[in-house]
PDB file of N, CA and C in Angstrom:
ATOM      1  N   MET A   1     208.569 117.375 104.118  1.00  0.00           N
ATOM      2  CA  MET A   1     207.263 117.648 104.414  1.00  0.00           C
ATOM      3  C   MET A   1     207.024 119.179 104.071  1.00  0.00           C
ATOM      4  N   THR A   2     205.798 119.245 103.376  1.00  0.00           N
ATOM      5  CA  THR A   2     205.245 120.547 102.997  1.00  0.00           C
ATOM      6  C   THR A   2     204.936 121.511 104.070  1.00  0.00           C
ATOM      7  N   ASP A   3     204.789 122.716 103.807  1.00  0.00           N
ATOM      8  CA  ASP A   3     204.255 123.804 104.758  1.00  0.00           C
ATOM      9  C   ASP A   3     202.969 123.458 105.473  1.00  0.00           C
ATOM     10  N   THR A   4     202.132 122.983 104.569  1.00  0.00           N
ATOM     11  CA  THR A   4     200.789 122.850 104.885  1.00  0.00           C
ATOM     12  C   THR A   4     200.790 121.646 105.914  1.00  0.00           C
ATOM     13  N   LYS A   5     201.488 120.625 105.731  1.00  0.00           N
ATOM     14  CA  LYS A   5     201.472 119.536 106.621  1.00  0.00           C
ATOM     15  C   LYS A   5     202.146 119.775 107.836  1.00  0.00           C
ATOM     16  N   VAL A   6     203.221 120.672 107.885  1.00  0.00           N
ATOM     17  CA  VAL A   6     203.775 121.146 109.079  1.00  0.00           C
ATOM     18  C   VAL A   6     202.831 122.000 109.798  1.00  0.00           C
ATOM     19  N   LEU A   7     202.057 122.924 109.260  1.00  0.00           N
ATOM     20  CA  LEU A   7     201.189 123.737 109.838  1.00  0.00           C
ATOM     21  C   LEU A   7     199.990 122.819 110.469  1.00  0.00           C
ATOM     22  N   ILE A   8     199.570 121.951 109.733  1.00  0.00           N
ATOM     23  CA  ILE A   8     198.536 120.935 110.256  1.00  0.00           C
ATOM     24  C   ILE A   8     199.041 120.284 111.593  1.00  0.00           C
ATOM     25  N   ARG A   9     200.169 119.842 111.568  1.00  0.00           N
ATOM     26  CA  ARG A   9     200.673 118.988 112.623  1.00  0.00           C
ATOM     27  C   ARG A   9     200.995 119.966 113.862  1.00  0.00           C
ATOM     28  N   VAL A  10     201.390 121.113 113.587  1.00  0.00           N
ATOM     29  CA  VAL A  10     201.666 122.182 114.650  1.00  0.00           C
ATOM     30  C   VAL A  10     200.359 122.439 115.321  1.00  0.00           C
ATOM     31  N   LEU A  11     199.401 122.704 114.523  1.00  0.00           N
ATOM     32  CA  LEU A  11     197.991 123.079 115.071  1.00  0.00           C
ATOM     33  C   LEU A  11     197.388 121.844 115.878  1.00  0.00           C
ATOM     34  N   MET A  12     197.667 120.566 115.142  1.00  0.00           N
ATOM     35  CA  MET A  12     197.191 119.370 115.994  1.00  0.00           C
ATOM     36  C   MET A  12     197.955 119.387 117.445  1.00  0.00           C
ATOM     37  N   GLY A  13     199.177 119.437 117.483  1.00  0.00           N
ATOM     38  CA  GLY A  13     199.916 119.543 118.611  1.00  0.00           C
ATOM     39  C   GLY A  13     199.527 120.470 119.680  1.00  0.00           C
ATOM     40  N   VAL A  14     199.205 121.822 119.213  1.00  0.00           N
ATOM     41  CA  VAL A  14     198.668 122.808 120.177  1.00  0.00           C
ATOM     42  C   VAL A  14     197.381 122.398 120.664  1.00  0.00           C
ATOM     43  N   ALA A  15     196.509 121.840 119.784  1.00  0.00           N
ATOM     44  CA  ALA A  15     195.214 121.431 120.358  1.00  0.00           C
ATOM     45  C   ALA A  15     195.262 120.280 121.407  1.00  0.00           C
ATOM     46  N   VAL A  16     196.220 119.303 121.015  1.00  0.00           N
ATOM     47  CA  VAL A  16     196.457 118.384 122.003  1.00  0.00           C
ATOM     48  C   VAL A  16     196.906 118.905 123.207  1.00  0.00           C
ATOM     49  N   LEU A  17     197.715 119.722 123.223  1.00  0.00           N
ATOM     50  CA  LEU A  17     198.459 120.409 124.648  1.00  0.00           C
ATOM     51  C   LEU A  17     197.262 121.198 125.324  1.00  0.00           C
ATOM     52  N   VAL A  18     196.562 121.927 124.552  1.00  0.00           N
ATOM     53  CA  VAL A  18     195.275 122.510 125.279  1.00  0.00           C
ATOM     54  C   VAL A  18     194.511 121.721 125.918  1.00  0.00           C
ATOM     55  N   THR A  19     193.997 120.586 125.263  1.00  0.00           N
ATOM     56  CA  THR A  19     193.072 119.683 125.859  1.00  0.00           C
ATOM     57  C   THR A  19     193.735 118.924 127.159  1.00  0.00           C
ATOM     58  N   ALA A  20     194.922 118.648 127.048  1.00  0.00           N
ATOM     59  CA  ALA A  20     195.705 117.845 127.937  1.00  0.00           C
ATOM     60  C   ALA A  20     195.902 118.868 129.183  1.00  0.00           C
ATOM     61  N   VAL A  21     196.109 120.049 129.010  1.00  0.00           N
ATOM     62  CA  VAL A  21     196.362 121.063 130.163  1.00  0.00           C
ATOM     63  C   VAL A  21     195.088 121.113 130.829  1.00  0.00           C
ATOM     64  N   VAL A  22     194.036 121.469 130.041  1.00  0.00           N
ATOM     65  CA  VAL A  22     192.704 121.448 130.689  1.00  0.00           C
ATOM     66  C   VAL A  22     192.304 120.299 131.645  1.00  0.00           C
ATOM     67  N   HIS A  23     192.545 119.171 131.016  1.00  0.00           N
ATOM     68  CA  HIS A  23     192.256 117.979 131.681  1.00  0.00           C
ATOM     69  C   HIS A  23     193.062 117.602 132.951  1.00  0.00           C
ATOM     70  N   PHE A  24     194.343 117.993 132.783  1.00  0.00           N
ATOM     71  CA  PHE A  24     195.159 117.913 133.850  1.00  0.00           C
ATOM     72  C   PHE A  24     194.806 118.972 134.990  1.00  0.00           C
ATOM     73  N   TYR A  25     194.365 120.097 134.692  1.00  0.00           N
ATOM     74  CA  TYR A  25     193.834 120.920 135.537  1.00  0.00           C
ATOM     75  C   TYR A  25     192.665 120.667 136.226  1.00  0.00           C
ATOM     76  N   LEU A  26     191.732 120.010 135.501  1.00  0.00           N
ATOM     77  CA  LEU A  26     190.485 119.518 136.112  1.00  0.00           C
ATOM     78  C   LEU A  26     190.727 118.362 137.052  1.00  0.00           C
ATOM     79  N   GLY A  27     191.675 117.447 136.513  1.00  0.00           N
ATOM     80  CA  GLY A  27     192.072 116.379 137.430  1.00  0.00           C
ATOM     81  C   GLY A  27     192.560 116.697 138.878  1.00  0.00           C
ATOM     82  N   VAL A  28     193.406 117.809 138.916  1.00  0.00           N
ATOM     83  CA  VAL A  28     194.033 118.210 140.190  1.00  0.00           C
ATOM     84  C   VAL A  28     193.049 119.046 140.867  1.00  0.00           C
ATOM     85  N   ALA A  29     192.353 119.858 140.152  1.00  0.00           N
ATOM     86  CA  ALA A  29     191.199 120.620 140.931  1.00  0.00           C
ATOM     87  C   ALA A  29     190.056 119.841 141.619  1.00  0.00           C
ATOM     88  N   TYR A  30     189.761 118.782 140.914  1.00  0.00           N
ATOM     89  CA  TYR A  30     188.579 118.024 141.336  1.00  0.00           C
ATOM     90  C   TYR A  30     189.001 116.597 142.069  1.00  0.00           C
ATOM     91  N   ASP A  31     190.321 116.547 142.056  1.00  0.00           N
ATOM     92  CA  ASP A  31     190.924 115.241 142.529  1.00  0.00           C
ATOM     93  C   ASP A  31     190.326 114.090 141.904  1.00  0.00           C
ATOM     94  N   ALA A  32     190.182 114.192 140.394  1.00  0.00           N
ATOM     95  CA  ALA A  32     189.618 113.169 139.612  1.00  0.00           C
ATOM     96  C   ALA A  32     190.628 112.538 138.756  1.00  0.00           C
ATOM     97  N   VAL A  33     191.031 111.297 138.937  1.00  0.00           N
ATOM     98  CA  VAL A  33     192.035 110.645 138.264  1.00  0.00           C
ATOM     99  C   VAL A  33     191.620 110.423 136.689  1.00  0.00           C
ATOM    100  N   ILE A  34     190.242 110.376 136.463  1.00  0.00           N
ATOM    101  CA  ILE A  34     189.946 110.075 135.198  1.00  0.00           C
ATOM    102  C   ILE A  34     190.346 111.243 134.328  1.00  0.00           C
ATOM    103  N   PHE A  35     190.397 112.450 134.765  1.00  0.00           N
ATOM    104  CA  PHE A  35     190.806 113.706 133.809  1.00  0.00           C
ATOM    105  C   PHE A  35     192.278 113.560 133.512  1.00  0.00           C
ATOM    106  N   ILE A  36     193.084 113.129 134.502  1.00  0.00           N
ATOM    107  CA  ILE A  36     194.514 113.027 134.314  1.00  0.00           C
ATOM    108  C   ILE A  36     194.713 111.962 133.391  1.00  0.00           C
ATOM    109  N   LEU A  37     194.065 110.800 133.444  1.00  0.00           N
ATOM    110  CA  LEU A  37     194.123 109.676 132.646  1.00  0.00           C
ATOM    111  C   LEU A  37     193.799 110.130 131.261  1.00  0.00           C
ATOM    112  N   ASN A  38     192.816 110.854 131.103  1.00  0.00           N
ATOM    113  CA  ASN A  38     192.501 111.472 129.762  1.00  0.00           C
ATOM    114  C   ASN A  38     193.524 112.264 129.102  1.00  0.00           C
ATOM    115  N   ALA A  39     193.998 113.127 129.817  1.00  0.00           N
ATOM    116  CA  ALA A  39     195.093 113.980 129.376  1.00  0.00           C
ATOM    117  C   ALA A  39     196.272 113.173 128.947  1.00  0.00           C
ATOM    118  N   LEU A  40     196.550 112.001 129.793  1.00  0.00           N
ATOM    119  CA  LEU A  40     197.641 111.271 129.313  1.00  0.00           C
ATOM    120  C   LEU A  40     197.385 110.398 128.083  1.00  0.00           C
ATOM    121  N   GLY A  41     196.161 110.174 127.918  1.00  0.00           N
ATOM    122  CA  GLY A  41     195.693 109.354 126.669  1.00  0.00           C
ATOM    123  C   GLY A  41     196.121 110.167 125.479  1.00  0.00           C
ATOM    124  N   PHE A  42     195.534 111.603 125.555  1.00  0.00           N
ATOM    125  CA  PHE A  42     195.796 112.463 124.506  1.00  0.00           C
ATOM    126  C   PHE A  42     197.263 112.573 124.107  1.00  0.00           C
ATOM    127  N   LEU A  43     198.117 112.872 125.252  1.00  0.00           N
ATOM    128  CA  LEU A  43     199.686 113.062 124.975  1.00  0.00           C
ATOM    129  C   LEU A  43     200.239 111.801 124.302  1.00  0.00           C
ATOM    130  N   GLY A  44     199.806 110.633 124.900  1.00  0.00           N
ATOM    131  CA  GLY A  44     200.364 109.325 124.495  1.00  0.00           C
ATOM    132  C   GLY A  44     200.034 109.133 122.920  1.00  0.00           C
ATOM    133  N   LEU A  45     198.849 109.255 122.592  1.00  0.00           N
ATOM    134  CA  LEU A  45     198.496 108.960 121.149  1.00  0.00           C
ATOM    135  C   LEU A  45     199.046 110.020 120.242  1.00  0.00           C
ATOM    136  N   PHE A  46     199.253 111.296 120.617  1.00  0.00           N
ATOM    137  CA  PHE A  46     200.034 112.271 119.874  1.00  0.00           C
ATOM    138  C   PHE A  46     201.538 112.057 119.722  1.00  0.00           C
ATOM    139  N   GLY A  47     201.921 111.446 120.889  1.00  0.00           N
ATOM    140  CA  GLY A  47     203.302 111.136 120.849  1.00  0.00           C
ATOM    141  C   GLY A  47     203.596 109.924 120.027  1.00  0.00           C
ATOM    142  N   LEU A  48     202.689 109.098 119.887  1.00  0.00           N
ATOM    143  CA  LEU A  48     202.823 107.915 118.960  1.00  0.00           C
ATOM    144  C   LEU A  48     202.840 108.369 117.517  1.00  0.00           C
ATOM    145  N   LEU A  49     201.932 109.369 117.252  1.00  0.00           N
ATOM    146  CA  LEU A  49     201.957 109.966 115.844  1.00  0.00           C
ATOM    147  C   LEU A  49     203.240 110.605 115.407  1.00  0.00           C
ATOM    148  N   VAL A  50     203.910 111.337 116.466  1.00  0.00           N
ATOM    149  CA  VAL A  50     205.163 112.231 115.936  1.00  0.00           C
ATOM    150  C   VAL A  50     206.454 111.571 116.319  1.00  0.00           C
ATOM    151  N   ILE A  51     206.577 110.609 117.162  1.00  0.00           N
ATOM    152  CA  ILE A  51     207.866 110.180 117.521  1.00  0.00           C
ATOM    153  C   ILE A  51     208.278 108.883 116.407  1.00  0.00           C
ATOM    154  N   PRO A  52     209.287 109.022 115.727  1.00  0.00           N
ATOM    155  CA  PRO A  52     209.571 108.046 114.723  1.00  0.00           C
ATOM    156  C   PRO A  52     209.933 106.633 115.229  1.00  0.00           C
ATOM    157  N   ILE A  53     208.971 105.959 115.536  1.00  0.00           N
ATOM    158  CA  ILE A  53     209.287 104.551 116.012  1.00  0.00           C
ATOM    159  C   ILE A  53     208.794 103.645 114.705  1.00  0.00           C
ATOM    160  N   PRO A  54     209.677 102.834 114.268  1.00  0.00           N
ATOM    161  CA  PRO A  54     209.361 102.034 112.980  1.00  0.00           C
ATOM    162  C   PRO A  54     208.136 101.399 113.174  1.00  0.00           C
ATOM    163  N   VAL A  55     208.022 100.675 114.298  1.00  0.00           N
ATOM    164  CA  VAL A  55     206.952  99.706 114.409  1.00  0.00           C
ATOM    165  C   VAL A  55     205.634 100.573 114.301  1.00  0.00           C
ATOM    166  N   ILE A  56     205.687 101.756 115.036  1.00  0.00           N
ATOM    167  CA  ILE A  56     204.362 102.559 115.095  1.00  0.00           C
ATOM    168  C   ILE A  56     204.072 103.166 113.814  1.00  0.00           C
ATOM    169  N   GLN A  57     205.088 103.653 113.205  1.00  0.00           N
ATOM    170  CA  GLN A  57     204.928 104.474 111.767  1.00  0.00           C
ATOM    171  C   GLN A  57     204.353 103.565 110.794  1.00  0.00           C
ATOM    172  N   SER A  58     204.590 102.226 110.687  1.00  0.00           N
ATOM    173  CA  SER A  58     203.836 101.465 109.625  1.00  0.00           C
ATOM    174  C   SER A  58     202.311 101.340 110.114  1.00  0.00           C
ATOM    175  N   ARG A  59     202.018 101.637 111.218  1.00  0.00           N
ATOM    176  CA  ARG A  59     200.433 101.714 111.621  1.00  0.00           C
ATOM    177  C   ARG A  59     200.079 103.070 111.762  1.00  0.00           C
ATOM    178  N   ARG A  60     200.615 103.965 111.382  1.00  0.00           N
ATOM    179  CA  ARG A  60     200.435 105.354 111.672  1.00  0.00           C
ATOM    180  C   ARG A  60     198.891 105.726 111.443  1.00  0.00           C
ATOM    181  N   ARG A  61     198.298 105.190 110.355  1.00  0.00           N
ATOM    182  CA  ARG A  61     196.812 105.395 110.109  1.00  0.00           C
ATOM    183  C   ARG A  61     195.988 104.924 111.219  1.00  0.00           C
ATOM    184  N   TRP A  62     196.205 103.787 111.818  1.00  0.00           N
ATOM    185  CA  TRP A  62     195.555 103.324 112.907  1.00  0.00           C
ATOM    186  C   TRP A  62     195.653 104.186 114.169  1.00  0.00           C
ATOM    187  N   VAL A  63     196.880 104.733 114.392  1.00  0.00           N
ATOM    188  CA  VAL A  63     197.087 105.584 115.442  1.00  0.00           C
ATOM    189  C   VAL A  63     196.223 106.937 115.231  1.00  0.00           C
ATOM    190  N   SER A  64     196.304 107.490 114.177  1.00  0.00           N
ATOM    191  CA  SER A  64     195.487 108.607 113.720  1.00  0.00           C
ATOM    192  C   SER A  64     194.015 108.380 114.008  1.00  0.00           C
ATOM    193  N   LEU A  65     193.493 107.214 113.483  1.00  0.00           N
ATOM    194  CA  LEU A  65     192.112 106.977 113.639  1.00  0.00           C
ATOM    195  C   LEU A  65     191.804 106.810 115.113  1.00  0.00           C
ATOM    196  N   ALA A  66     192.765 106.203 115.983  1.00  0.00           N
ATOM    197  CA  ALA A  66     192.436 106.048 117.310  1.00  0.00           C
ATOM    198  C   ALA A  66     192.368 107.536 117.915  1.00  0.00           C
ATOM    199  N   LEU A  67     193.285 108.454 117.611  1.00  0.00           N
ATOM    200  CA  LEU A  67     193.366 109.786 118.226  1.00  0.00           C
ATOM    201  C   LEU A  67     191.933 110.471 117.867  1.00  0.00           C
ATOM    202  N   MET A  68     191.420 110.391 116.661  1.00  0.00           N
ATOM    203  CA  MET A  68     190.228 110.917 116.183  1.00  0.00           C
ATOM    204  C   MET A  68     189.141 110.429 117.090  1.00  0.00           C
ATOM    205  N   GLY A  69     189.030 108.944 117.234  1.00  0.00           N
ATOM    206  CA  GLY A  69     187.903 108.299 117.939  1.00  0.00           C
ATOM    207  C   GLY A  69     188.079 108.768 119.496  1.00  0.00           C
ATOM    208  N   TYR A  70     189.327 108.794 119.966  1.00  0.00           N
ATOM    209  CA  TYR A  70     189.556 109.265 121.395  1.00  0.00           C
ATOM    210  C   TYR A  70     188.877 110.663 121.592  1.00  0.00           C
ATOM    211  N   SER A  71     189.026 111.469 120.592  1.00  0.00           N
ATOM    212  CA  SER A  71     188.721 112.922 120.813  1.00  0.00           C
ATOM    213  C   SER A  71     187.082 112.840 120.790  1.00  0.00           C
ATOM    214  N   ALA A  72     186.540 112.194 119.778  1.00  0.00           N
ATOM    215  CA  ALA A  72     185.140 112.153 119.698  1.00  0.00           C
ATOM    216  C   ALA A  72     184.448 111.496 120.960  1.00  0.00           C
ATOM    217  N   LEU A  73     185.139 110.468 121.394  1.00  0.00           N
ATOM    218  CA  LEU A  73     184.570 109.760 122.633  1.00  0.00           C
ATOM    219  C   LEU A  73     184.486 110.801 123.801  1.00  0.00           C
ATOM    220  N   THR A  74     185.684 111.439 123.958  1.00  0.00           N
ATOM    221  CA  THR A  74     185.849 112.340 124.985  1.00  0.00           C
ATOM    222  C   THR A  74     184.634 113.553 124.940  1.00  0.00           C
ATOM    223  N   ILE A  75     184.271 113.952 123.722  1.00  0.00           N
ATOM    224  CA  ILE A  75     183.181 114.957 123.411  1.00  0.00           C
ATOM    225  C   ILE A  75     182.045 114.272 123.909  1.00  0.00           C
ATOM    226  N   LEU A  76     181.806 113.085 123.501  1.00  0.00           N
ATOM    227  CA  LEU A  76     180.404 112.392 123.609  1.00  0.00           C
ATOM    228  C   LEU A  76     180.210 112.123 125.284  1.00  0.00           C
ATOM    229  N   LEU A  77     181.195 111.664 125.916  1.00  0.00           N
ATOM    230  CA  LEU A  77     181.247 111.418 127.302  1.00  0.00           C
ATOM    231  C   LEU A  77     180.930 112.701 128.001  1.00  0.00           C
ATOM    232  N   TRP A  78     181.531 113.849 127.719  1.00  0.00           N
ATOM    233  CA  TRP A  78     181.416 115.094 128.277  1.00  0.00           C
ATOM    234  C   TRP A  78     179.871 115.459 128.074  1.00  0.00           C
ATOM    235  N   ALA A  79     179.394 115.364 126.905  1.00  0.00           N
ATOM    236  CA  ALA A  79     177.895 115.625 126.551  1.00  0.00           C
ATOM    237  C   ALA A  79     176.939 114.971 127.610  1.00  0.00           C
ATOM    238  N   ILE A  80     177.353 113.388 127.753  1.00  0.00           N
ATOM    239  CA  ILE A  80     176.480 112.625 128.493  1.00  0.00           C
ATOM    240  C   ILE A  80     176.613 113.127 129.955  1.00  0.00           C
ATOM    241  N   LEU A  81     177.696 112.994 130.477  1.00  0.00           N
ATOM    242  CA  LEU A  81     178.028 113.046 131.872  1.00  0.00           C
ATOM    243  C   LEU A  81     178.005 114.434 132.538  1.00  0.00           C
ATOM    244  N   ASN A  82     178.378 115.477 131.669  1.00  0.00           N
ATOM    245  CA  ASN A  82     178.426 116.763 132.236  1.00  0.00           C
ATOM    246  C   ASN A  82     177.672 117.831 131.501  1.00  0.00           C
ATOM    247  N   GLY A  83     178.315 118.137 130.223  1.00  0.00           N
ATOM    248  CA  GLY A  83     177.579 119.154 129.383  1.00  0.00           C
ATOM    249  C   GLY A  83     177.534 120.537 129.733  1.00  0.00           C
ATOM    250  N   LYS A  84     178.231 120.991 130.898  1.00  0.00           N
ATOM    251  CA  LYS A  84     178.247 122.332 131.315  1.00  0.00           C
ATOM    252  C   LYS A  84     179.147 123.247 130.308  1.00  0.00           C
ATOM    253  N   LEU A  85     178.654 124.338 130.010  1.00  0.00           N
ATOM    254  CA  LEU A  85     179.264 125.183 129.049  1.00  0.00           C
ATOM    255  C   LEU A  85     180.059 126.280 129.914  1.00  0.00           C
ATOM    256  N   ASP A  86     181.216 125.809 130.470  1.00  0.00           N
ATOM    257  CA  ASP A  86     182.226 126.752 131.233  1.00  0.00           C
ATOM    258  C   ASP A  86     183.395 126.962 130.224  1.00  0.00           C
ATOM    259  N   ALA A  87     184.245 127.837 130.830  1.00  0.00           N
ATOM    260  CA  ALA A  87     185.472 128.019 130.069  1.00  0.00           C
ATOM    261  C   ALA A  87     186.340 126.798 129.775  1.00  0.00           C
ATOM    262  N   ALA A  88     186.603 126.027 130.792  1.00  0.00           N
ATOM    263  CA  ALA A  88     187.391 124.722 130.692  1.00  0.00           C
ATOM    264  C   ALA A  88     186.774 123.874 129.708  1.00  0.00           C
ATOM    265  N   SER A  89     185.555 123.493 129.763  1.00  0.00           N
ATOM    266  CA  SER A  89     184.770 122.628 128.896  1.00  0.00           C
ATOM    267  C   SER A  89     184.843 123.254 127.566  1.00  0.00           C
ATOM    268  N   LEU A  90     184.651 124.474 127.121  1.00  0.00           N
ATOM    269  CA  LEU A  90     184.650 125.053 125.855  1.00  0.00           C
ATOM    270  C   LEU A  90     185.959 124.977 125.138  1.00  0.00           C
ATOM    271  N   SER A  91     186.964 125.221 125.896  1.00  0.00           N
ATOM    272  CA  SER A  91     188.348 125.231 125.384  1.00  0.00           C
ATOM    273  C   SER A  91     188.653 123.950 125.046  1.00  0.00           C
ATOM    274  N   ALA A  92     188.372 122.919 126.004  1.00  0.00           N
ATOM    275  CA  ALA A  92     188.852 121.536 125.666  1.00  0.00           C
ATOM    276  C   ALA A  92     187.953 121.020 124.486  1.00  0.00           C
ATOM    277  N   LYS A  93     186.749 121.251 124.461  1.00  0.00           N
ATOM    278  CA  LYS A  93     185.865 120.707 123.405  1.00  0.00           C
ATOM    279  C   LYS A  93     186.406 121.266 121.973  1.00  0.00           C
ATOM    280  N   LEU A  94     186.621 122.698 121.950  1.00  0.00           N
ATOM    281  CA  LEU A  94     187.006 123.155 120.708  1.00  0.00           C
ATOM    282  C   LEU A  94     188.444 122.575 120.297  1.00  0.00           C
ATOM    283  N   ALA A  95     189.174 122.368 121.167  1.00  0.00           N
ATOM    284  CA  ALA A  95     190.512 121.650 121.004  1.00  0.00           C
ATOM    285  C   ALA A  95     190.337 120.320 120.484  1.00  0.00           C
ATOM    286  N   GLU A  96     189.373 119.668 121.156  1.00  0.00           N
ATOM    287  CA  GLU A  96     189.186 118.294 120.547  1.00  0.00           C
ATOM    288  C   GLU A  96     188.549 118.177 119.119  1.00  0.00           C
ATOM    289  N   LEU A  97     187.704 119.080 118.792  1.00  0.00           N
ATOM    290  CA  LEU A  97     187.211 119.402 117.494  1.00  0.00           C
ATOM    291  C   LEU A  97     188.388 119.556 116.624  1.00  0.00           C
ATOM    292  N   ILE A  98     189.322 120.502 116.907  1.00  0.00           N
ATOM    293  CA  ILE A  98     190.384 120.824 116.158  1.00  0.00           C
ATOM    294  C   ILE A  98     191.280 119.568 115.967  1.00  0.00           C
ATOM    295  N   ILE A  99     191.563 118.754 116.754  1.00  0.00           N
ATOM    296  CA  ILE A  99     192.221 117.561 116.800  1.00  0.00           C
ATOM    297  C   ILE A  99     191.551 116.548 115.730  1.00  0.00           C
ATOM    298  N   ILE A 100     190.281 116.532 115.779  1.00  0.00           N
ATOM    299  CA  ILE A 100     189.609 115.647 114.775  1.00  0.00           C
ATOM    300  C   ILE A 100     189.932 116.155 113.405  1.00  0.00           C
ATOM    301  N   VAL A 101     189.624 117.468 113.243  1.00  0.00           N
ATOM    302  CA  VAL A 101     189.857 118.000 111.828  1.00  0.00           C
ATOM    303  C   VAL A 101     191.203 117.819 111.411  1.00  0.00           C
ATOM    304  N   THR A 102     192.157 118.151 112.227  1.00  0.00           N
ATOM    305  CA  THR A 102     193.767 118.193 111.836  1.00  0.00           C
ATOM    306  C   THR A 102     194.126 116.767 111.541  1.00  0.00           C
ATOM    307  N   VAL A 103     193.623 115.840 112.296  1.00  0.00           N
ATOM    308  CA  VAL A 103     194.055 114.493 112.003  1.00  0.00           C
ATOM    309  C   VAL A 103     193.384 113.926 110.730  1.00  0.00           C
ATOM    310  N   TRP A 104     192.196 114.371 110.356  1.00  0.00           N
ATOM    311  CA  TRP A 104     191.637 114.020 109.195  1.00  0.00           C
ATOM    312  C   TRP A 104     192.320 114.722 107.966  1.00  0.00           C
ATOM    313  N   LEU A 105     192.769 115.936 108.218  1.00  0.00           N
ATOM    314  CA  LEU A 105     193.478 116.647 107.231  1.00  0.00           C
ATOM    315  C   LEU A 105     194.770 115.947 106.905  1.00  0.00           C
ATOM    316  N   ASP A 106     195.467 115.610 108.149  1.00  0.00           N
ATOM    317  CA  ASP A 106     196.756 114.883 107.952  1.00  0.00           C
ATOM    318  C   ASP A 106     196.689 113.515 107.118  1.00  0.00           C
ATOM    319  N   LEU A 107     195.585 112.918 107.544  1.00  0.00           N
ATOM    320  CA  LEU A 107     195.395 111.642 106.736  1.00  0.00           C
ATOM    321  C   LEU A 107     195.214 111.799 105.393  1.00  0.00           C
ATOM    322  N   GLN A 108     194.545 113.046 105.019  1.00  0.00           N
ATOM    323  CA  GLN A 108     194.317 113.327 103.492  1.00  0.00           C
ATOM    324  C   GLN A 108     195.562 113.521 102.681  1.00  0.00           C
ATOM    325  N   HIS A 109     196.463 114.318 103.417  1.00  0.00           N
ATOM    326  CA  HIS A 109     197.793 114.537 102.828  1.00  0.00           C
ATOM    327  C   HIS A 109     198.564 113.142 102.748  1.00  0.00           C
ATOM    328  N   GLU A 110     198.471 112.336 103.764  1.00  0.00           N
ATOM    329  CA  GLU A 110     199.171 110.970 103.659  1.00  0.00           C
ATOM    330  C   GLU A 110     198.651 110.199 102.297  1.00  0.00           C
ATOM    331  N   LYS A 111     197.383 110.237 102.046  1.00  0.00           N
ATOM    332  CA  LYS A 111     196.857 109.622 100.956  1.00  0.00           C
ATOM    333  C   LYS A 111     197.465 110.110  99.659  1.00  0.00           C
ATOM    334  N   ARG A 112     197.515 111.603  99.450  1.00  0.00           N
ATOM    335  CA  ARG A 112     198.063 112.206  98.314  1.00  0.00           C
ATOM    336  C   ARG A 112     199.645 111.716  98.226  1.00  0.00           C
ATOM    337  N   GLY A 113     200.274 111.242  99.151  1.00  0.00           N
ATOM    338  CA  GLY A 113     201.708 111.091  99.225  1.00  0.00           C
ATOM    339  C   GLY A 113     202.610 112.119  99.519  1.00  0.00           C
TER     340      GLY A 113
END
C-alpha cells in the first residue's frame, strides 16, 4: 500500500470517528436514538471497508459507494430537518464531506491498481 493510500485511509478513519463521536454525543445529549444509529452506521460501513473479510473485500467498491451515499444522505437530512450552524453540526458536516472526498480518492487509487 502506497503512502498516499495510507494517508487517504487514515484521514477517512479520522473523519468517520469525528462524525461518529459527534452523533453519539448528540444522541446522548438529546436522548435521540437516531443519532446513535447514525454513528453506528458510519462505524459499521467504515469497519466493512478496513476489516479484511473476503466476502466483503470482493464487494469493496459497493461498500465504498454506500459510505459515500450515507454521508451525503446525512448531510441532506441535516439540511432539511435542522440546518443549524453550530459547532457540532459544522464539525460533523465537514467530517462527512471529508469522508466523501477520501472515499472517492480511495476508489480512484483502486482503479489505478
